[in-house]
Amino acid sequence: MLLKHDDKGVQSLSVETIGATSAAQTLSYLDNGCAVSSDNSLSMTIAVRRHVYVGSHHGDSVLVRLRKEKDEKGSNVEVQLVALR
């Protein structure tokens, strides 16, 4: 979502699809050196950069990396880790 505004208010709002994941119950943006714990009490430390943890109650939870450029399928999302339900 991109929101453009100035001192007078909102000028424009746009939404762009960047990829697809499971339906999210929680989203966590992760930056360098964050620790990730899965729902199954499996703990791990991952050096991450532009990553988002998508926690899902109804599907697989995933750790994805957000790329600046789209891949051949038109997605900016690259799945890094899947925590199977």
Protein backbone atom coordinates (compact mmCIF):
# COMPACT_ATOMS: atom_id res chain seq x y z
CA MET A 1 0.00 0.00 0.00
CA LEU A 2 1.37 3.40 -0.96
CA LEU A 3 -0.04 6.53 0.63
CA LYS A 4 1.00 9.91 -0.79
CA HIS A 5 0.24 12.97 1.29
CA ASP A 6 1.30 16.53 1.94
CA ASP A 7 0.48 19.10 4.62
CA LYS A 8 -3.03 19.48 3.16
CA GLY A 9 -3.93 15.80 3.41
CA VAL A 10 -3.91 12.56 1.49
CA GLN A 11 -3.23 12.99 -2.22
CA SER A 12 -3.50 9.37 -3.33
CA LEU A 13 -3.71 5.81 -2.07
CA SER A 14 -2.76 2.77 -4.14
CA VAL A 15 -2.50 -0.96 -3.51
CA GLU A 16 -0.29 -3.30 -5.52
CA THR A 17 -0.21 -7.09 -5.34
CA ILE A 18 3.35 -8.24 -4.64
CA GLY A 19 2.78 -11.99 -4.30
CA ALA A 20 0.72 -14.70 -2.61
CA THR A 21 0.98 -16.54 0.72
CA SER A 22 -1.35 -18.38 3.10
CA ALA A 23 -4.11 -16.32 4.75
CA ALA A 24 -2.34 -14.38 7.50
CA GLN A 25 -3.36 -14.30 11.14
CA THR A 26 -0.23 -12.31 11.98
CA LEU A 27 2.40 -10.42 9.98
CA SER A 28 5.82 -9.53 11.41
CA TYR A 29 8.39 -7.48 9.51
CA LEU A 30 11.89 -8.69 10.34
CA ASP A 31 15.17 -6.86 9.90
CA ASN A 32 18.82 -7.95 10.28
CA GLY A 33 19.55 -10.19 13.26
CA CYS A 34 15.99 -10.93 14.42
CA ALA A 35 15.03 -14.20 16.07
CA VAL A 36 12.12 -16.22 14.75
CA SER A 37 10.15 -18.75 16.80
CA SER A 38 7.61 -21.00 15.14
CA ASP A 39 4.35 -22.16 16.70
CA ASN A 40 5.83 -25.65 17.27
CA SER A 41 8.36 -24.43 19.91
CA LEU A 42 11.17 -24.74 17.37
CA SER A 43 13.46 -21.77 17.94
CA MET A 44 15.99 -20.50 15.48
CA THR A 45 17.98 -17.35 14.85
CA ILE A 46 18.05 -16.16 11.27
CA ALA A 47 20.01 -13.24 9.83
CA VAL A 48 17.25 -11.66 7.78
CA ARG A 49 16.86 -8.74 5.43
CA ARG A 50 13.50 -7.50 4.10
CA HIS A 51 11.72 -10.56 5.44
CA VAL A 52 8.14 -10.96 6.63
CA TYR A 53 6.88 -13.77 8.85
CA VAL A 54 3.34 -14.72 7.82
CA GLY A 55 1.72 -16.65 10.66
CA SER A 56 -1.36 -18.54 9.49
CA HIS A 57 -3.99 -20.39 11.50
CA HIS A 58 -5.64 -21.89 8.41
CA GLY A 59 -2.58 -22.73 6.28
CA ASP A 60 1.19 -23.09 6.40
CA SER A 61 3.08 -20.28 8.14
CA VAL A 62 5.93 -18.93 6.00
CA LEU A 63 8.97 -16.71 6.17
CA VAL A 64 9.20 -14.73 2.93
CA ARG A 65 11.80 -12.36 1.52
CA LEU A 66 10.56 -9.23 -0.22
CA ARG A 67 12.50 -8.60 -3.43
CA LYS A 68 12.80 -5.20 -5.09
CA GLU A 69 12.37 -6.69 -8.55
CA LYS A 70 9.61 -9.04 -9.71
CA ASP A 71 10.56 -12.58 -10.74
CA GLU A 72 9.53 -14.29 -14.00
CA LYS A 73 6.08 -14.99 -12.48
CA GLY A 74 5.59 -11.31 -11.54
CA SER A 75 6.06 -11.82 -7.79
CA ASN A 76 8.15 -9.79 -5.34
CA VAL A 77 7.77 -12.54 -2.70
CA GLU A 78 10.26 -15.41 -2.30
CA VAL A 79 9.40 -18.14 0.23
CA GLN A 80 12.39 -18.85 2.48
CA LEU A 81 10.96 -21.20 5.12
CA VAL A 82 7.66 -23.08 5.51
CA ALA A 83 6.30 -24.24 8.88
CA LEU A 84 3.84 -26.97 7.91
CA ARG A 85 0.59 -27.28 9.82
